[in-house]
Amino acid sequence: MPITEILSRNAEMYGQEICLTEINLDLQEKHNVTWREYELIENSPAGEYRREMTWRVFDEKANRLANLLLKRGIKKGDKVAILLMNCLEWLPIYFGILKTGAIAVPLNFRYTAEEIKYCLDLSETTALIFGPEFIGRVETIYDQIPQVKTLFFAGENRPTFAENYDRLTANCSSEAPQIKLTDEDDAVIYYSSGTTGFPKAILHTHRSLMSACYTEIKHHGQRREDNFLCIPPLYHTGAKMHWFGSLLSGSKAVLLRGVKPEWILKTVSEEKITIVWLLVPWAQDILDAIERGDVQLEDYDLSQWRLMHIGAQPVPPSLIRRWKKYFPKHLYDTNYGLSESIGPGCVHLGTENIHKVGAIGVPGYNWEVKIADESGCPVARGEVGELVVKGPGVMKCYYNDPEATAAVIKDGWLFTGDMARMDEDGFIYLVDRKKDVIISGGENIYPVQIEDFLRAHNAIKDVAVIGLPDKRLGEIAAAIIELKPGCKCTEDEIKTFCIPMPRYKRPRKIIFDKVPRNPTGKIEKPSLREKYGAIRLVAAQTEV
């Protein structure tokens, strides 16, 4: 079943019910008013503090865009890119593209103009819908992307080189276009996060999207009365695939623009949120704010909040132990997935397995998993190998890149590039990215293990461990440490803290700096290697 049929069903069954709410607390803070008072401000700016949408309006907006695209000659298999911040228009635009049989191409809002051009060229995109935050970047390249015949601008103060999305769609039919779709039709191109190189274009079918719906609802049991708080960027598979549980169950969701701890807690309280998906830094920030006294939990009504789950990166067990201290009644789950495996769900811990915190879990619903050697054969229990997965959400291919596709998909199995091990009970533990493994003096060092150890230090907010060149050992482990606000720490203190670790694992270099993360929470290690690897090489050459 194409995923667009779920939206049409919800519009018919729950048409008058609110399905999406957008909240922009930054606007509310600027006006220094209460939530409800903001709605009464005359001439409030575009993108009001709080906006709502029903299932029927959602479906009608998707239909209007679909009919506009069809009028403009967009046909089945064409590519239409989305370059928007999270907003109420995002998901109707996504579904409108799908309803034409075209392929949606969500773009990372952090992309530079050159990266936007690269992704548009790679995907052979012919139409682009973008928002006000991206006028400058699109203006820089719009005359260099001749294949993009159509530019729609969603917002006010339209630039001269684009057409008005709101005005044009308002004049189109709200009836569903009569385009026949099947499970095997191509649906979407997502881009890899780029933490291990330049982004790859990942092609998925409607079958992949529906598999995410079923997996998500099986894992987290979304019900009609649930309300899901969506904070991560919608261009990424993670946020959207978790929201697919809301789509399938016909339940509410809130799009929160902002990640301040007090904003998250206030939204959970006021909107009666029941499910929250967090990234590790956001969960860390909430706990730090509680412990500093910046937020008081008794100021919020959090009684209905039943589930907190985390994904997108390894989760330090110490973080969850802290979380359960302040939120003892919460169900907790860890989700593992890749854009190549349609986001979260191919491995998950399960709320019933809290005793195994530290593991990413067991095979997800409808997924098979093995830990394999270089030839794809399973390794013995407890040994480290590559995590390999198989299921209905595996990508069709890297678009227009058969060589890269063949390197990661073998006999239907997706080689994830993540090193892992499986314990005697069948639970899987991430060890590290294959490309991040440090080989120092012939020993394999897995940065995640060092990072997890260091995060237990009371002064450390975040840490990233990378390999730096060394003339004698080949590589050494370097720890880039971001301290909590107001905390002080010395290199000697960190080295003393690391003494319980085996000597070969201890970081040889300590650097105090900010740890960069992308919008999905993954550490941007290539930028750290570029920043500090070059410094290290220059230093080595100077010593000679």
Protein backbone atom coordinates (compact mmCIF):
# COMPACT_ATOMS: atom_id res chain seq x y z
CA MET A 1 0.00 0.00 0.00
CA PRO A 2 1.48 3.41 -0.95
CA ILE A 3 1.90 5.60 2.11
CA THR A 4 -0.28 8.34 0.59
CA GLU A 5 -3.31 6.10 1.12
CA ILE A 6 -2.80 6.30 4.90
CA LEU A 7 -3.11 10.09 4.74
CA SER A 8 -6.27 9.84 2.63
CA ARG A 9 -7.75 7.35 5.09
CA ASN A 10 -7.01 9.65 8.05
CA ALA A 11 -8.61 12.60 6.27
CA GLU A 12 -11.76 10.57 5.74
CA MET A 13 -11.94 9.02 9.22
CA TYR A 14 -10.59 11.83 11.41
CA GLY A 15 -10.96 14.84 9.13
CA GLN A 16 -11.88 17.47 11.75
CA GLU A 17 -9.30 16.35 14.30
CA ILE A 18 -6.02 18.21 14.81
CA CYS A 19 -3.09 16.17 13.52
CA LEU A 20 -0.18 18.64 13.52
CA THR A 21 0.71 21.63 15.66
CA GLU A 22 3.71 23.87 15.01
CA ILE A 23 5.17 25.73 17.98
CA ASN A 24 7.81 28.44 17.71
CA LEU A 25 8.79 29.47 21.22
CA ASP A 26 11.51 31.78 19.94
CA LEU A 27 8.80 34.09 18.58
CA GLN A 28 6.89 33.91 21.84
CA GLU A 29 9.99 34.84 23.84
CA LYS A 30 10.71 37.80 21.57
CA HIS A 31 7.23 39.20 22.22
CA ASN A 32 7.46 38.42 25.96
CA VAL A 33 3.87 37.22 26.16
CA THR A 34 2.07 34.07 27.20
CA TRP A 35 1.24 31.38 24.68
CA ARG A 36 -2.39 32.37 24.23
CA GLU A 37 -1.67 36.11 24.28
CA TYR A 38 0.66 35.69 21.32
CA GLU A 39 -2.23 34.51 19.16
CA LEU A 40 -4.04 37.79 19.85
CA ILE A 41 -1.19 40.05 18.65
CA GLU A 42 -2.28 42.07 15.63
CA ASN A 43 -0.12 41.81 12.53
CA SER A 44 1.98 39.06 14.06
CA PRO A 45 4.86 38.01 11.82
CA ALA A 46 4.75 35.17 9.30
CA GLY A 47 5.07 31.83 11.05
CA GLU A 48 2.93 32.51 14.12
CA TYR A 49 3.94 31.13 17.49
CA ARG A 50 1.34 28.31 17.45
CA ARG A 51 -0.42 26.94 14.37
CA GLU A 52 -2.60 23.87 13.94
CA MET A 53 -3.77 21.68 11.07
CA THR A 54 -6.49 19.02 10.79
CA TRP A 55 -6.15 15.76 8.89
CA ARG A 56 -8.55 17.03 6.21
CA VAL A 57 -6.61 20.25 5.65
CA PHE A 58 -3.36 18.28 5.60
CA ASP A 59 -4.71 16.03 2.84
CA GLU A 60 -6.22 18.94 0.90
CA LYS A 61 -2.94 20.89 0.97
CA ALA A 62 -1.09 17.82 -0.27
CA ASN A 63 -3.63 17.42 -3.08
CA ARG A 64 -3.38 21.09 -4.09
CA LEU A 65 0.40 20.88 -4.42
CA ALA A 66 0.15 17.59 -6.32
CA ASN A 67 -2.25 19.14 -8.81
CA LEU A 68 0.00 22.20 -9.21
CA LEU A 69 3.03 20.01 -9.90
CA LEU A 70 1.09 17.97 -12.44
CA LYS A 71 0.02 21.18 -14.20
CA ARG A 72 3.68 22.13 -14.43
CA GLY A 73 4.55 18.89 -16.15
CA ILE A 74 5.97 17.03 -13.16
CA LYS A 75 5.40 13.35 -13.80
CA LYS A 76 6.00 9.99 -12.22
CA GLY A 77 9.69 9.51 -11.47
CA ASP A 78 10.60 13.21 -11.58
CA LYS A 79 12.42 14.66 -8.56
CA VAL A 80 11.11 17.54 -6.43
CA ALA A 81 13.38 18.87 -3.67
CA ILE A 82 12.29 20.34 -0.31
CA LEU A 83 14.49 22.93 1.40
CA LEU A 84 12.56 24.09 4.47
CA MET A 85 13.00 24.43 8.20
CA ASN A 86 10.55 22.35 10.24
CA CYS A 87 7.15 23.97 9.77
CA LEU A 88 3.49 23.14 9.32
CA GLU A 89 3.88 23.15 5.53
CA TRP A 90 6.67 20.56 5.43
CA LEU A 91 4.72 17.30 5.60
CA PRO A 92 1.85 18.36 3.27
CA ILE A 93 4.50 19.33 0.69
CA TYR A 94 6.22 15.95 1.12
CA PHE A 95 2.96 14.06 0.65
CA GLY A 96 1.90 16.31 -2.22
CA ILE A 97 5.03 15.33 -4.11
CA LEU A 98 4.41 11.64 -3.42
CA LYS A 99 0.81 11.89 -4.66
CA THR A 100 2.04 12.86 -8.13
CA GLY A 101 4.20 9.75 -8.35
CA ALA A 102 7.25 12.02 -8.26
CA ILE A 103 10.18 11.45 -5.91
CA ALA A 104 10.58 13.75 -2.90
CA VAL A 105 14.13 14.96 -2.24
CA PRO A 106 14.45 16.48 1.28
CA LEU A 107 17.57 18.64 1.70
CA ASN A 108 19.58 19.34 4.84
CA PHE A 109 18.91 22.91 6.00
CA ARG A 110 22.59 23.27 6.93
CA TYR A 111 23.81 22.71 3.39
CA THR A 112 25.87 25.48 1.84
CA ALA A 113 24.90 26.79 -1.59
CA GLU A 114 27.48 24.48 -3.20
CA GLU A 115 26.17 21.45 -1.30
CA ILE A 116 22.60 22.29 -2.35
CA LYS A 117 23.74 22.46 -5.97
CA TYR A 118 25.64 19.18 -5.61
CA CYS A 119 22.57 17.38 -4.23
CA LEU A 120 20.22 18.85 -6.83
CA ASP A 121 22.59 17.77 -9.60
CA LEU A 122 23.16 14.29 -8.16
CA SER A 123 19.43 13.59 -7.81
CA GLU A 124 18.57 15.18 -11.19
CA THR A 125 15.99 17.36 -9.47
CA THR A 126 13.67 19.36 -11.76
CA ALA A 127 11.71 21.38 -9.14
CA LEU A 128 12.62 22.97 -5.80
CA ILE A 129 10.40 24.27 -2.99
CA PHE A 130 12.30 26.43 -0.51
CA GLY A 131 11.66 28.75 2.43
CA PRO A 132 12.77 32.26 3.45
CA GLU A 133 15.85 31.10 5.34
CA PHE A 134 17.40 29.89 2.08
CA ILE A 135 16.86 32.83 -0.29
CA GLY A 136 20.51 33.83 -0.25
CA ARG A 137 21.83 30.33 -0.85
CA VAL A 138 19.39 29.57 -3.66
CA GLU A 139 20.00 32.95 -5.28
CA THR A 140 23.71 32.13 -5.39
CA ILE A 141 23.16 29.00 -7.49
CA TYR A 142 19.81 29.30 -9.27
CA ASP A 143 21.40 30.21 -12.60
CA GLN A 144 23.79 27.23 -12.25
CA ILE A 145 21.05 24.58 -12.00
CA PRO A 146 19.36 24.71 -15.43
CA GLN A 147 17.73 21.29 -14.89
CA VAL A 148 15.64 22.83 -12.05
CA LYS A 149 12.89 24.30 -14.22
CA THR A 150 10.56 25.22 -11.35
CA LEU A 151 11.30 27.19 -8.18
CA PHE A 152 8.50 27.64 -5.63
CA PHE A 153 8.97 29.90 -2.62
CA ALA A 154 7.02 29.09 0.57
CA GLY A 155 6.81 32.28 2.62
CA GLU A 156 6.44 36.03 2.42
CA ASN A 157 8.65 38.53 0.54
CA ARG A 158 9.09 36.25 -2.45
CA PRO A 159 12.37 36.64 -4.35
CA THR A 160 11.99 37.59 -8.01
CA PHE A 161 13.54 34.35 -9.30
CA ALA A 162 10.87 32.12 -7.69
CA GLU A 163 7.07 31.70 -7.81
CA ASN A 164 4.66 32.01 -4.89
CA TYR A 165 3.84 28.56 -3.50
CA ASP A 166 0.91 29.69 -1.32
CA ARG A 167 -0.88 31.69 -4.02
CA LEU A 168 -0.48 29.06 -6.71
CA THR A 169 -1.57 26.10 -4.59
CA ALA A 170 -4.62 28.04 -3.31
CA ASN A 171 -5.93 28.12 -6.87
CA CYS A 172 -5.56 24.37 -7.42
CA SER A 173 -8.07 21.61 -6.81
CA SER A 174 -8.15 19.98 -3.38
CA GLU A 175 -9.26 16.67 -4.91
CA ALA A 176 -6.74 13.83 -5.00
CA PRO A 177 -5.03 13.42 -8.38
CA GLN A 178 -5.75 10.14 -10.14
CA ILE A 179 -2.21 8.80 -10.21
CA LYS A 180 -1.83 5.06 -9.71
CA LEU A 181 0.92 4.20 -7.23
CA THR A 182 2.31 0.81 -6.19
CA ASP A 183 4.51 -0.40 -3.36
CA GLU A 184 7.42 -0.79 -5.76
CA ASP A 185 7.29 2.79 -7.08
CA ASP A 186 10.22 5.01 -6.15
CA ALA A 187 9.18 7.47 -3.44
CA VAL A 188 12.02 9.46 -1.94
CA ILE A 189 15.73 10.26 -2.07
CA TYR A 190 17.36 10.96 1.28
CA TYR A 191 20.96 12.04 1.68
CA SER A 192 23.42 10.36 3.99
CA SER A 193 24.55 12.53 6.90
CA GLY A 194 27.97 13.14 5.39
CA THR A 195 29.81 12.32 8.65
CA THR A 196 32.05 9.94 6.68
CA GLY A 197 32.30 11.91 3.44
CA PHE A 198 30.18 13.79 0.94
CA PRO A 199 26.45 12.86 1.02
CA LYS A 200 25.19 9.92 -1.03
CA ALA A 201 21.69 9.91 -2.58
CA ILE A 202 19.65 7.09 -1.01
CA LEU A 203 16.62 5.90 -3.00
CA HIS A 204 13.63 4.31 -1.24
CA THR A 205 10.31 2.96 -2.49
CA HIS A 206 6.81 3.25 -1.06
CA ARG A 207 7.30 -0.24 0.38
CA SER A 208 10.22 1.09 2.44
CA LEU A 209 8.11 3.95 3.82
CA MET A 210 5.27 1.63 4.78
CA SER A 211 7.70 -0.76 6.45
CA ALA A 212 8.83 2.15 8.65
CA CYS A 213 5.19 2.78 9.65
CA TYR A 214 4.64 -0.81 10.73
CA THR A 215 8.00 -1.13 12.50
CA GLU A 216 7.55 2.11 14.44
CA ILE A 217 4.05 1.34 15.66
CA LYS A 218 5.06 -2.21 16.59
CA HIS A 219 7.97 -0.93 18.69
CA HIS A 220 6.29 1.98 20.46
CA GLY A 221 2.60 1.15 20.37
CA GLN A 222 1.25 4.51 19.26
CA ARG A 223 -2.45 4.89 20.04
CA ARG A 224 -5.06 7.38 18.89
CA GLU A 225 -4.75 9.27 22.18
CA ASP A 226 -0.98 9.71 21.90
CA ASN A 227 0.71 13.01 21.07
CA PHE A 228 4.25 12.81 19.65
CA LEU A 229 6.77 15.62 20.08
CA CYS A 230 8.89 15.95 16.95
CA ILE A 231 12.01 18.09 17.41
CA PRO A 232 14.63 16.76 14.93
CA PRO A 233 14.72 18.05 11.34
CA LEU A 234 12.09 16.55 9.05
CA TYR A 235 14.52 16.28 6.14
CA HIS A 236 16.12 13.35 8.00
CA THR A 237 14.65 9.85 8.09
CA GLY A 238 14.80 9.62 11.89
CA ALA A 239 12.24 12.27 12.83
CA LYS A 240 9.86 11.49 9.99
CA MET A 241 9.91 7.73 10.42
CA HIS A 242 9.06 8.04 14.11
CA TRP A 243 6.22 10.39 13.14
CA PHE A 244 5.01 7.64 10.79
CA GLY A 245 3.73 5.90 13.94
CA SER A 246 1.45 8.90 14.45
CA LEU A 247 0.37 8.76 10.81
CA LEU A 248 -0.55 5.08 10.99
CA SER A 249 -2.38 5.42 14.33
CA GLY A 250 -4.13 8.68 13.33
CA SER A 251 -2.74 10.46 16.39
CA LYS A 252 -1.45 13.97 17.04
CA ALA A 253 2.07 15.34 16.72
CA VAL A 254 3.71 18.63 17.64
CA LEU A 255 6.57 20.19 15.65
CA LEU A 256 8.72 22.16 18.10
CA ARG A 257 11.11 24.71 16.62
CA GLY A 258 13.85 24.89 19.21
CA VAL A 259 15.69 22.60 21.63
CA LYS A 260 16.06 24.56 24.87
CA PRO A 261 15.31 22.29 27.87
CA GLU A 262 12.64 24.65 29.19
CA TRP A 263 10.97 24.76 25.75
CA ILE A 264 10.83 20.97 25.55
CA LEU A 265 9.41 20.59 29.07
CA LYS A 266 6.94 23.45 28.57
CA THR A 267 5.67 21.92 25.33
CA VAL A 268 5.33 18.46 26.88
CA SER A 269 3.37 20.02 29.73
CA GLU A 270 1.09 22.40 27.78
CA GLU A 271 0.44 20.15 24.77
CA LYS A 272 0.00 16.97 26.83
CA ILE A 273 2.77 15.16 24.98
CA THR A 274 3.01 11.40 25.60
CA ILE A 275 5.99 10.39 23.43
CA VAL A 276 9.27 12.24 22.91
CA TRP A 277 12.18 11.23 20.71
CA LEU A 278 15.41 12.92 21.78
CA LEU A 279 18.97 13.07 20.59
CA VAL A 280 21.68 12.47 23.18
CA PRO A 281 22.74 16.17 23.44
CA TRP A 282 19.16 17.28 24.10
CA ALA A 283 18.62 14.68 26.81
CA GLN A 284 21.97 15.71 28.31
CA ASP A 285 20.93 19.38 28.25
CA ILE A 286 17.64 18.63 30.03
CA LEU A 287 19.43 16.72 32.79
CA ASP A 288 22.09 19.42 33.16
CA ALA A 289 19.40 22.11 33.38
CA ILE A 290 17.61 20.14 36.11
CA GLU A 291 20.81 19.62 38.09
CA ARG A 292 21.82 23.29 37.78
CA GLY A 293 18.39 24.35 38.97
CA ASP A 294 17.63 26.18 35.72
CA VAL A 295 14.35 24.26 35.44
CA GLN A 296 12.14 22.93 38.21
CA LEU A 297 10.24 19.77 37.27
CA GLU A 298 7.42 20.65 39.65
CA ASP A 299 6.64 23.66 37.41
CA TYR A 300 5.43 21.32 34.66
CA ASP A 301 2.66 18.76 34.33
CA LEU A 302 4.51 15.76 32.90
CA SER A 303 2.25 13.03 34.24
CA GLN A 304 1.02 11.93 30.79
CA TRP A 305 4.55 11.58 29.32
CA ARG A 306 4.93 7.81 28.98
CA LEU A 307 7.85 7.18 26.62
CA MET A 308 11.24 8.72 25.89
CA HIS A 309 13.35 7.12 23.23
CA ILE A 310 16.71 7.98 21.71
CA GLY A 311 18.42 7.20 18.43
CA ALA A 312 20.89 8.43 15.79
CA GLN A 313 24.02 7.67 17.84
CA PRO A 314 25.39 5.44 20.62
CA VAL A 315 23.72 6.20 23.95
CA PRO A 316 25.93 6.31 27.08
CA PRO A 317 24.42 4.03 29.79
CA SER A 318 25.27 6.71 32.35
CA LEU A 319 22.89 9.09 30.59
CA ILE A 320 19.93 6.71 30.92
CA ARG A 321 20.73 5.99 34.54
CA ARG A 322 20.57 9.74 35.19
CA TRP A 323 17.36 10.03 33.17
CA LYS A 324 15.61 7.30 35.17
CA LYS A 325 16.63 9.08 38.37
CA TYR A 326 14.51 12.11 37.42
CA PHE A 327 11.89 10.32 35.31
CA PRO A 328 11.51 6.91 36.99
CA LYS A 329 8.11 6.16 35.44
CA HIS A 330 9.18 6.69 31.83
CA LEU A 331 9.37 3.80 29.43
CA TYR A 332 12.67 3.99 27.58
CA ASP A 333 13.86 2.66 24.24
CA THR A 334 16.96 2.96 22.09
CA ASN A 335 16.54 2.86 18.31
CA TYR A 336 19.23 2.09 15.77
CA GLY A 337 18.94 2.70 12.06
CA LEU A 338 20.44 4.36 9.02
CA SER A 339 18.99 6.37 6.17
CA GLU A 340 19.92 3.34 4.05
CA SER A 341 17.61 1.22 6.24
CA ILE A 342 14.82 3.85 6.25
CA GLY A 343 15.86 5.39 9.53
CA PRO A 344 15.14 3.92 12.97
CA GLY A 345 13.95 0.47 13.74
CA CYS A 346 16.16 -2.21 12.17
CA VAL A 347 17.56 -2.73 15.69
CA HIS A 348 15.93 -1.54 18.91
CA LEU A 349 16.31 -2.21 22.61
CA GLY A 350 12.63 -2.56 23.49
CA THR A 351 11.00 -0.93 26.49
CA GLU A 352 10.96 -4.27 28.30
CA ASN A 353 14.77 -4.56 28.17
CA ILE A 354 15.85 -1.64 30.34
CA HIS A 355 18.23 -4.04 32.13
CA LYS A 356 20.27 -4.13 28.90
CA VAL A 357 20.88 -0.37 28.64
CA GLY A 358 24.10 0.09 26.72
CA ALA A 359 23.02 -2.31 23.99
CA ILE A 360 21.28 -1.02 20.88
CA GLY A 361 19.08 -4.08 21.22
CA VAL A 362 17.79 -6.92 19.10
CA PRO A 363 16.54 -7.16 15.50
CA GLY A 364 13.59 -4.84 14.91
CA TYR A 365 10.17 -5.87 13.67
CA ASN A 366 10.53 -7.63 10.28
CA TRP A 367 14.33 -7.28 10.35
CA GLU A 368 17.19 -9.80 10.33
CA VAL A 369 20.60 -8.98 11.78
CA LYS A 370 24.03 -10.59 11.88
CA ILE A 371 27.53 -9.60 13.00
CA ALA A 372 29.81 -10.51 10.12
CA ASP A 373 33.43 -10.64 9.04
CA GLU A 374 34.78 -9.12 5.82
CA SER A 375 33.32 -11.97 3.74
CA GLY A 376 29.85 -11.63 5.28
CA CYS A 377 30.08 -14.75 7.44
CA PRO A 378 28.81 -14.50 11.04
CA VAL A 379 31.51 -14.14 13.71
CA ALA A 380 31.38 -15.94 17.05
CA ARG A 381 29.26 -14.47 19.86
CA GLY A 382 31.19 -11.77 21.67
CA GLU A 383 33.55 -11.07 18.77
CA VAL A 384 33.58 -7.74 16.97
CA GLY A 385 32.40 -7.65 13.37
CA GLU A 386 30.36 -5.48 11.03
CA LEU A 387 26.65 -5.04 11.73
CA VAL A 388 24.71 -6.33 8.72
CA VAL A 389 20.92 -6.01 8.37
CA LYS A 390 18.21 -7.30 6.04
CA GLY A 391 14.56 -6.26 5.83
CA PRO A 392 11.82 -4.46 3.87
CA GLY A 393 13.31 -1.03 4.61
CA VAL A 394 16.67 -1.57 2.93
CA MET A 395 17.23 1.11 0.29
CA LYS A 396 16.78 0.31 -3.36
CA CYS A 397 20.19 1.78 -4.20
CA TYR A 398 22.48 4.76 -4.04
CA TYR A 399 20.97 6.76 -6.87
CA ASN A 400 23.12 6.68 -10.03
CA ASP A 401 25.96 4.98 -8.15
CA PRO A 402 25.97 1.23 -8.83
CA GLU A 403 29.52 0.80 -7.56
CA ALA A 404 28.76 2.30 -4.14
CA THR A 405 25.50 0.28 -4.00
CA ALA A 406 27.30 -2.99 -4.72
CA ALA A 407 29.79 -2.23 -1.96
CA VAL A 408 27.12 -2.13 0.77
CA ILE A 409 24.25 -4.35 -0.47
CA LYS A 410 25.17 -8.00 -0.97
CA ASP A 411 22.51 -10.70 -1.46
CA GLY A 412 19.92 -8.35 0.05
CA TRP A 413 22.04 -7.68 3.16
CA LEU A 414 23.00 -4.09 3.97
CA PHE A 415 26.52 -3.70 5.36
CA THR A 416 26.11 -0.77 7.76
CA GLY A 417 29.75 0.20 8.31
CA ASP A 418 29.17 -0.04 12.07
CA MET A 419 31.31 -2.40 14.14
CA ALA A 420 29.37 -4.32 16.78
CA ARG A 421 29.28 -7.42 18.93
CA MET A 422 26.47 -9.68 20.16
CA ASP A 423 26.30 -10.95 23.72
CA GLU A 424 25.22 -14.41 24.89
CA ASP A 425 21.58 -13.25 25.11
CA GLY A 426 21.50 -11.98 21.51
CA PHE A 427 21.72 -8.27 22.35
CA ILE A 428 23.83 -6.13 20.05
CA TYR A 429 26.33 -3.52 21.23
CA LEU A 430 27.81 -0.91 18.93
CA VAL A 431 31.57 -0.70 19.11
CA ASP A 432 32.24 2.04 16.56
CA ARG A 433 32.08 3.14 12.96
CA LYS A 434 34.30 0.97 10.80
CA LYS A 435 35.93 4.10 9.38
CA ASP A 436 36.45 5.56 12.86
CA VAL A 437 38.45 2.66 14.28
CA ILE A 438 41.92 3.84 15.38
CA ILE A 439 44.83 1.44 14.78
CA SER A 440 47.57 2.39 17.22
CA GLY A 441 50.68 0.24 17.38
CA GLY A 442 48.75 -2.64 15.84
CA GLU A 443 45.90 -2.46 18.39
CA ASN A 444 42.33 -1.64 17.35
CA ILE A 445 40.94 1.21 19.45
CA TYR A 446 37.21 1.92 19.30
CA PRO A 447 36.51 5.62 20.03
CA VAL A 448 32.97 5.02 21.31
CA GLN A 449 34.32 2.98 24.22
CA ILE A 450 36.61 5.84 25.28
CA GLU A 451 33.84 8.42 24.76
CA ASP A 452 31.44 6.44 26.97
CA PHE A 453 34.09 6.20 29.69
CA LEU A 454 34.90 9.92 29.62
CA ARG A 455 31.24 11.01 29.69
CA ALA A 456 31.05 9.68 33.25
CA HIS A 457 33.29 12.58 34.34
CA ASN A 458 31.16 15.19 36.12
CA ALA A 459 32.72 18.15 34.28
CA ILE A 460 32.37 16.75 30.77
CA LYS A 461 29.37 17.73 28.66
CA ASP A 462 30.43 16.03 25.41
CA VAL A 463 33.44 14.26 23.97
CA ALA A 464 34.71 13.01 20.63
CA VAL A 465 37.68 10.70 20.15
CA ILE A 466 39.55 10.68 16.84
CA GLY A 467 42.79 9.25 15.54
CA LEU A 468 45.68 11.60 14.84
CA PRO A 469 48.83 10.72 12.89
CA ASP A 470 51.83 9.56 14.90
CA LYS A 471 55.27 8.70 13.50
CA ARG A 472 55.87 5.83 15.91
CA LEU A 473 52.43 4.26 16.46
CA GLY A 474 50.77 5.20 13.18
CA GLU A 475 47.85 6.77 15.03
CA ILE A 476 47.10 7.92 18.54
CA ALA A 477 43.74 8.51 20.23
CA ALA A 478 42.91 12.17 20.84
CA ALA A 479 39.96 13.25 22.98
CA ILE A 480 38.23 16.51 22.12
CA ILE A 481 36.39 17.45 25.31
CA GLU A 482 33.60 19.98 25.73
CA LEU A 483 33.15 20.98 29.36
CA LYS A 484 29.85 21.79 31.02
CA PRO A 485 29.19 25.53 31.44
CA GLY A 486 31.02 26.88 34.46
CA CYS A 487 33.18 23.76 34.91
CA LYS A 488 36.96 23.72 34.84
CA CYS A 489 39.26 20.79 34.25
CA THR A 490 42.90 20.23 33.32
CA GLU A 491 44.59 17.78 30.98
CA ASP A 492 46.27 16.09 33.97
CA GLU A 493 42.89 15.60 35.68
CA ILE A 494 41.52 13.88 32.58
CA LYS A 495 44.59 11.65 32.30
CA THR A 496 44.24 10.67 35.95
CA PHE A 497 40.54 9.91 35.41
CA CYS A 498 41.50 7.59 32.52
CA ILE A 499 43.91 5.43 34.57
CA PRO A 500 41.32 2.62 35.10
CA MET A 501 41.24 2.11 31.31
CA PRO A 502 43.73 -0.25 29.66
CA ARG A 503 46.88 1.74 28.85
CA TYR A 504 46.58 1.35 25.07
CA LYS A 505 43.05 2.81 25.12
CA ARG A 506 43.88 5.94 27.07
CA PRO A 507 43.80 9.08 24.92
CA ARG A 508 47.34 10.33 24.28
CA LYS A 509 46.20 13.86 23.54
CA ILE A 510 43.55 15.95 25.34
CA ILE A 511 42.00 18.95 23.55
CA PHE A 512 39.41 21.21 25.19
CA ASP A 513 37.04 22.47 22.50
CA LYS A 514 33.42 22.37 21.38
CA VAL A 515 32.25 19.04 19.95
CA PRO A 516 30.46 19.70 16.64
CA ARG A 517 27.34 17.69 15.91
CA ASN A 518 25.08 17.66 12.87
CA PRO A 519 21.30 18.29 13.17
CA THR A 520 20.68 14.59 13.84
CA GLY A 521 23.13 14.55 16.73
CA LYS A 522 26.02 12.71 15.11
CA ILE A 523 29.51 13.94 15.84
CA GLU A 524 31.09 15.59 12.81
CA LYS A 525 34.39 13.75 13.07
CA PRO A 526 35.65 14.62 9.55
CA SER A 527 35.70 18.30 10.53
CA LEU A 528 37.60 17.46 13.72
CA ARG A 529 40.12 15.36 11.80
CA GLU A 530 40.58 18.18 9.33
CA LYS A 531 41.00 20.73 12.12
CA TYR A 532 43.35 18.79 14.36
CA GLY A 533 44.90 16.26 12.00
CA ALA A 534 46.45 19.08 9.94
CA ILE A 535 47.79 20.74 13.10
CA ARG A 536 49.29 17.45 14.21
CA LEU A 537 50.99 16.86 10.84
CA VAL A 538 52.50 20.36 10.82
CA ALA A 539 53.78 19.84 14.35
CA ALA A 540 55.36 16.51 13.39
CA GLN A 541 57.07 18.06 10.39
CA THR A 542 58.38 20.93 12.54
CA GLU A 543 59.87 18.47 15.03
CA VAL A 544 61.82 16.78 12.22
